[in-house]
Amino acid sequence: IEYMAGDELRGRPSGSEQSRELEDHLEESLAGLGLDPLDELGLEGYRQEFPVPPERCFLESPPPAETLLTCANVLAKLPGASSGEMVILTANYDGMGVDTSSGDIYPGADYNASGTSAVLELARIFSSLGHEPAKTLVFAFLGAEECGGYGADALAEALESGGLRDGVHIINIEGIGAGGGDYMDVWDLNYRKNRPVVAALDEAASLLEVEVELGGADPGTSAAFFYLYHMPAVTCDWSWFERDEHPDFHLPSDTPDRIDREGLLRVTQVVAVTAWTLAQ
């Protein structure tokens, strides 16, 4: 989180040099864990590239409007015994860059360096177990989310095109480090296909003595884009100070020192138990 939200990455906006540096870091991390590329999507490496109009990105010096920027999801898998069935953990790694009028950086520690750090940590844990799950576990870092959900849409479309829609369960992780809360949110979009994941999350939370509050529609998250493709996807976060107001949401104050470490840990633990249970 400190690396992602540091001044050097200047808010890591999609299409920037800093975003590409972070993509390289995530790619090298996944390769170093011995995880495989997601060849089910026709990928030979860890990147799934897609175009984004520059006017949608938060760049300090954008290219001409007619230029399409190449952005990327960074994906890897721990192969399972069953072909075509996947538990996918997602988090967006991009940010909102720099306020061009004030020069303030939007660090994005909680939104969403927190979720990215959780998915990377779970990739480290699961890859170290030396056990083949029944279903494939996928670790998906989504790009170009803050500027319009391009990464989630690209991944959903690829899963659809690959005939994988009916074999996936998606858990999206974001905003898990907000301070002041004492429970975990699960946003299920009021979607019937999400009931198995919600039940598994509830069981894991009960085991770990974490209070869960079930919400319905939350169209601002990456899960909403998978929902449009009729794929089950839920979003997990840690409760905010007040129900309708995150204290640092998309503000320059969203810095690493503001992260609630207890909430960060609790959500990550619940998702870990849930993902491993579903994968078995």
Protein backbone atom coordinates (compact mmCIF):
# COMPACT_ATOMS: atom_id res chain seq x y z
CA ILE A 1 0.00 0.00 0.00
CA GLU A 2 2.82 2.39 0.83
CA TYR A 3 4.46 1.69 -2.53
CA MET A 4 1.25 2.08 -4.53
CA ALA A 5 0.15 5.23 -2.70
CA GLY A 6 3.61 6.80 -2.68
CA ASP A 7 4.42 10.07 -4.39
CA GLU A 8 6.62 8.32 -6.94
CA LEU A 9 3.60 6.73 -8.65
CA ARG A 10 1.77 10.09 -8.73
CA GLY A 11 -1.67 8.62 -8.22
CA ARG A 12 -1.03 5.83 -10.80
CA PRO A 13 -3.56 7.02 -13.43
CA SER A 14 -4.34 4.61 -16.26
CA GLY A 15 -2.21 5.08 -19.36
CA SER A 16 0.63 6.75 -17.45
CA GLU A 17 4.27 5.78 -17.12
CA GLN A 18 3.65 5.25 -13.41
CA SER A 19 0.79 2.87 -14.11
CA ARG A 20 3.01 0.83 -16.42
CA GLU A 21 5.64 0.67 -13.67
CA LEU A 22 3.04 -0.75 -11.30
CA GLU A 23 1.84 -3.21 -13.95
CA ASP A 24 5.43 -4.46 -14.30
CA HIS A 25 5.67 -4.85 -10.53
CA LEU A 26 2.44 -6.88 -10.35
CA GLU A 27 3.44 -9.00 -13.32
CA GLU A 28 6.86 -9.77 -11.84
CA SER A 29 5.26 -10.57 -8.47
CA LEU A 30 2.87 -13.11 -10.00
CA ALA A 31 5.61 -14.69 -12.10
CA GLY A 32 7.84 -14.91 -9.03
CA LEU A 33 5.14 -16.88 -7.23
CA GLY A 34 5.17 -19.48 -10.01
CA LEU A 35 1.58 -18.74 -11.03
CA ASP A 36 0.45 -19.42 -14.59
CA PRO A 37 -0.94 -17.06 -17.24
CA LEU A 38 -4.67 -17.32 -17.84
CA ASP A 39 -4.43 -19.28 -21.07
CA GLU A 40 -8.19 -19.95 -20.99
CA LEU A 41 -8.49 -16.40 -22.33
CA GLY A 42 -5.85 -16.99 -24.98
CA LEU A 43 -3.18 -15.14 -23.00
CA GLU A 44 0.44 -16.22 -23.26
CA GLY A 45 1.61 -13.72 -20.64
CA TYR A 46 0.11 -12.07 -17.60
CA ARG A 47 -1.31 -8.99 -19.36
CA GLN A 48 -4.69 -8.60 -20.97
CA GLU A 49 -4.48 -5.38 -22.97
CA PHE A 50 -7.38 -3.19 -24.10
CA PRO A 51 -7.80 0.35 -25.52
CA VAL A 52 -9.00 3.36 -23.53
CA PRO A 53 -9.70 6.88 -24.88
CA PRO A 54 -7.19 9.33 -23.37
CA GLU A 55 -9.90 11.81 -22.39
CA ARG A 56 -11.21 9.25 -19.90
CA CYS A 57 -7.84 8.92 -18.12
CA PHE A 58 -6.57 11.22 -15.39
CA LEU A 59 -3.34 12.18 -17.14
CA GLU A 60 -1.35 15.34 -16.45
CA SER A 61 -0.27 15.58 -20.10
CA PRO A 62 -2.76 13.60 -22.19
CA PRO A 63 -2.03 12.70 -25.82
CA PRO A 64 -4.26 13.89 -28.67
CA ALA A 65 -7.89 12.85 -28.33
CA GLU A 66 -7.79 10.64 -31.43
CA THR A 67 -5.06 8.49 -29.80
CA LEU A 68 -6.15 5.32 -28.03
CA LEU A 69 -4.13 4.39 -24.96
CA THR A 70 -3.27 0.77 -24.26
CA CYS A 71 -4.14 -0.24 -20.70
CA ALA A 72 -4.02 -3.68 -19.14
CA ASN A 73 -5.37 -6.13 -16.62
CA VAL A 74 -2.70 -8.23 -14.91
CA LEU A 75 -3.93 -11.81 -14.42
CA ALA A 76 -2.60 -15.12 -13.15
CA LYS A 77 -4.00 -18.45 -12.01
CA LEU A 78 -3.40 -21.33 -9.65
CA PRO A 79 -4.69 -24.18 -11.83
CA GLY A 80 -7.41 -26.42 -10.48
CA ALA A 81 -8.31 -30.01 -11.26
CA SER A 82 -11.58 -29.04 -12.98
CA SER A 83 -11.34 -27.26 -16.32
CA GLY A 84 -13.60 -24.25 -16.79
CA GLU A 85 -14.52 -23.61 -13.14
CA MET A 86 -12.93 -20.56 -11.52
CA VAL A 87 -12.97 -18.53 -8.34
CA ILE A 88 -11.76 -15.08 -9.38
CA LEU A 89 -10.43 -12.49 -6.92
CA THR A 90 -10.42 -9.00 -8.40
CA ALA A 91 -9.17 -5.56 -7.35
CA ASN A 92 -8.47 -2.45 -9.39
CA TYR A 93 -4.94 -1.08 -9.11
CA ASP A 94 -5.34 2.25 -10.91
CA GLY A 95 -5.88 5.66 -9.34
CA MET A 96 -6.97 9.19 -10.09
CA GLY A 97 -3.59 10.77 -10.62
CA VAL A 98 -2.93 14.41 -9.79
CA ASP A 99 -5.29 17.35 -9.40
CA THR A 100 -4.04 19.58 -12.22
CA SER A 101 -5.37 22.75 -10.59
CA SER A 102 -3.83 22.25 -7.13
CA GLY A 103 -1.03 19.78 -7.83
CA ASP A 104 -2.32 17.47 -5.07
CA ILE A 105 -1.75 13.76 -5.61
CA TYR A 106 -4.64 11.35 -5.08
CA PRO A 107 -2.72 8.55 -3.32
CA GLY A 108 -5.59 6.05 -3.35
CA ALA A 109 -4.35 4.06 -0.36
CA ASP A 110 -7.76 2.64 0.45
CA TYR A 111 -9.15 3.10 -3.08
CA ASN A 112 -7.78 0.78 -4.08
CA ALA A 113 -4.26 -0.04 -3.01
CA SER A 114 -5.88 -1.86 -0.09
CA GLY A 115 -7.79 -4.29 -2.30
CA THR A 116 -4.82 -4.82 -4.61
CA SER A 117 -2.58 -5.62 -1.66
CA ALA A 118 -5.13 -8.16 -0.39
CA VAL A 119 -5.36 -9.99 -3.73
CA LEU A 120 -1.56 -10.08 -4.02
CA GLU A 121 -1.24 -11.41 -0.46
CA LEU A 122 -3.80 -14.14 -1.18
CA ALA A 123 -1.88 -15.07 -4.32
CA ARG A 124 1.24 -15.47 -2.15
CA ILE A 125 -0.59 -17.59 0.43
CA PHE A 126 -2.44 -19.92 -1.93
CA SER A 127 0.58 -20.45 -4.19
CA SER A 128 2.65 -21.49 -1.15
CA LEU A 129 0.30 -24.29 -0.04
CA GLY A 130 1.49 -26.89 -2.55
CA HIS A 131 -2.09 -28.09 -3.04
CA GLU A 132 -4.10 -28.24 -6.26
CA PRO A 133 -7.61 -26.92 -5.66
CA ALA A 134 -10.62 -28.47 -7.35
CA LYS A 135 -11.40 -25.20 -9.13
CA THR A 136 -8.90 -22.76 -10.61
CA LEU A 137 -8.10 -19.71 -8.49
CA VAL A 138 -7.59 -16.52 -10.50
CA PHE A 139 -5.91 -13.35 -9.24
CA ALA A 140 -7.02 -10.38 -11.34
CA PHE A 141 -5.66 -6.85 -11.04
CA LEU A 142 -7.95 -4.59 -13.05
CA GLY A 143 -6.77 -1.51 -14.89
CA ALA A 144 -8.68 1.59 -16.02
CA GLU A 145 -11.44 1.12 -13.45
CA GLU A 146 -11.54 4.60 -11.94
CA CYS A 147 -12.04 6.09 -15.41
CA GLY A 148 -14.93 3.89 -16.47
CA GLY A 149 -14.59 0.21 -15.57
CA TYR A 150 -12.68 -0.69 -18.72
CA GLY A 151 -10.68 -3.47 -17.09
CA ALA A 152 -13.68 -5.25 -15.59
CA ASP A 153 -15.55 -4.95 -18.88
CA ALA A 154 -12.59 -6.37 -20.82
CA LEU A 155 -12.26 -9.33 -18.46
CA ALA A 156 -16.01 -10.00 -18.45
CA GLU A 157 -16.15 -9.91 -22.24
CA ALA A 158 -13.20 -12.32 -22.50
CA LEU A 159 -14.79 -14.74 -20.02
CA GLU A 160 -18.03 -14.56 -21.99
CA SER A 161 -16.26 -15.12 -25.32
CA GLY A 162 -14.36 -18.05 -23.84
CA GLY A 163 -17.56 -19.80 -22.77
CA LEU A 164 -16.62 -19.48 -19.10
CA ARG A 165 -19.54 -17.38 -17.85
CA ASP A 166 -21.39 -20.21 -16.09
CA GLY A 167 -18.32 -21.58 -14.30
CA VAL A 168 -17.08 -18.49 -12.44
CA HIS A 169 -17.59 -16.91 -9.04
CA ILE A 170 -16.08 -13.44 -8.63
CA ILE A 171 -15.15 -11.69 -5.38
CA ASN A 172 -14.15 -8.06 -5.81
CA ILE A 173 -12.13 -6.43 -3.02
CA GLU A 174 -11.93 -2.67 -2.54
CA GLY A 175 -11.98 -0.09 0.21
CA ILE A 176 -11.07 -2.56 2.95
CA GLY A 177 -8.95 -0.13 4.97
CA ALA A 178 -11.42 2.61 5.92
CA GLY A 179 -11.03 3.71 9.51
CA GLY A 180 -13.65 3.77 12.22
CA GLY A 181 -15.82 0.86 11.12
CA ASP A 182 -16.47 -2.39 12.94
CA TYR A 183 -18.07 -4.69 10.35
CA MET A 184 -17.58 -5.99 6.82
CA ASP A 185 -19.85 -5.08 3.91
CA VAL A 186 -20.84 -7.61 1.25
CA TRP A 187 -22.58 -6.10 -1.77
CA ASP A 188 -24.39 -8.82 -3.73
CA LEU A 189 -26.35 -6.69 -6.27
CA ASN A 190 -29.51 -8.53 -5.17
CA TYR A 191 -28.53 -11.21 -7.68
CA ARG A 192 -29.68 -14.81 -7.29
CA LYS A 193 -26.45 -16.24 -8.74
CA ASN A 194 -24.49 -14.62 -5.91
CA ARG A 195 -26.18 -16.65 -3.17
CA PRO A 196 -23.52 -19.42 -2.99
CA VAL A 197 -20.73 -16.86 -2.55
CA VAL A 198 -22.73 -14.88 0.01
CA ALA A 199 -23.39 -18.08 1.98
CA ALA A 200 -19.68 -18.98 1.89
CA LEU A 201 -18.69 -15.46 3.00
CA ASP A 202 -21.21 -15.59 5.84
CA GLU A 203 -19.89 -18.97 7.00
CA ALA A 204 -16.28 -17.77 6.88
CA ALA A 205 -17.14 -14.56 8.74
CA SER A 206 -18.94 -16.53 11.43
CA LEU A 207 -15.92 -18.82 11.83
CA LEU A 208 -13.61 -15.80 12.19
CA GLU A 209 -16.07 -13.84 14.37
CA VAL A 210 -16.37 -10.98 11.90
CA GLU A 211 -19.71 -9.20 11.61
CA VAL A 212 -21.06 -9.01 8.06
CA GLU A 213 -23.72 -6.68 6.73
CA LEU A 214 -25.29 -7.67 3.43
CA GLY A 215 -26.02 -4.86 1.01
CA GLY A 216 -27.72 -4.93 -2.37
CA ALA A 217 -26.93 -2.83 -5.40
CA ASP A 218 -23.63 -0.96 -5.46
CA PRO A 219 -23.24 0.11 -9.10
CA GLY A 220 -19.99 1.97 -8.51
CA THR A 221 -17.88 -1.17 -8.08
CA SER A 222 -16.23 -3.48 -10.61
CA ALA A 223 -18.73 -6.21 -9.71
CA ALA A 224 -21.46 -4.28 -11.52
CA PHE A 225 -19.71 -4.78 -14.88
CA PHE A 226 -19.61 -8.56 -14.41
CA TYR A 227 -23.28 -8.46 -13.46
CA LEU A 228 -24.07 -6.94 -16.87
CA TYR A 229 -22.66 -10.13 -18.39
CA HIS A 230 -24.81 -12.27 -16.04
CA MET A 231 -21.83 -13.40 -14.01
CA PRO A 232 -22.01 -13.79 -10.22
CA ALA A 233 -19.85 -11.12 -8.58
CA VAL A 234 -19.88 -9.57 -5.12
CA THR A 235 -17.86 -6.72 -3.63
CA CYS A 236 -16.34 -6.81 -0.13
CA ASP A 237 -15.27 -3.73 1.80
CA TRP A 238 -14.79 -2.60 5.39
CA SER A 239 -17.47 -0.39 6.89
CA TRP A 240 -16.94 3.35 6.70
CA PHE A 241 -17.30 5.91 9.51
CA GLU A 242 -20.88 6.53 8.41
CA ARG A 243 -22.97 4.46 6.05
CA ASP A 244 -22.95 7.00 3.20
CA GLU A 245 -19.62 8.75 3.57
CA HIS A 246 -16.08 7.41 3.30
CA PRO A 247 -13.76 9.85 5.11
CA ASP A 248 -11.13 9.92 2.35
CA PHE A 249 -12.95 8.66 -0.74
CA HIS A 250 -11.09 9.95 -3.82
CA LEU A 251 -9.41 12.67 -1.80
CA PRO A 252 -5.72 13.61 -1.34
CA SER A 253 -6.16 12.50 2.29
CA ASP A 254 -6.46 8.82 1.26
CA THR A 255 -2.95 8.06 2.51
CA PRO A 256 -1.39 4.87 3.96
CA ASP A 257 -1.29 6.23 7.51
CA ARG A 258 -5.09 6.39 7.45
CA ILE A 259 -5.50 2.66 6.78
CA ASP A 260 -7.41 0.68 9.42
CA ARG A 261 -5.12 -2.34 9.73
CA GLU A 262 -7.67 -4.40 11.66
CA GLY A 263 -10.35 -3.98 9.02
CA LEU A 264 -7.84 -4.66 6.25
CA LEU A 265 -6.82 -7.91 7.90
CA ARG A 266 -10.34 -9.08 8.76
CA VAL A 267 -11.73 -8.68 5.26
CA THR A 268 -8.67 -10.38 3.75
CA GLN A 269 -9.01 -13.32 6.14
CA VAL A 270 -12.72 -13.77 5.43
CA VAL A 271 -12.13 -13.64 1.67
CA ALA A 272 -9.23 -16.10 2.02
CA VAL A 273 -11.35 -18.71 3.80
CA THR A 274 -14.25 -18.12 1.40
CA ALA A 275 -12.17 -18.39 -1.77
CA TRP A 276 -10.42 -21.56 -0.60
CA THR A 277 -13.75 -23.12 0.43
CA LEU A 278 -15.36 -22.31 -2.91
CA ALA A 279 -12.32 -23.62 -4.77
CA GLN A 280 -12.67 -26.99 -3.06
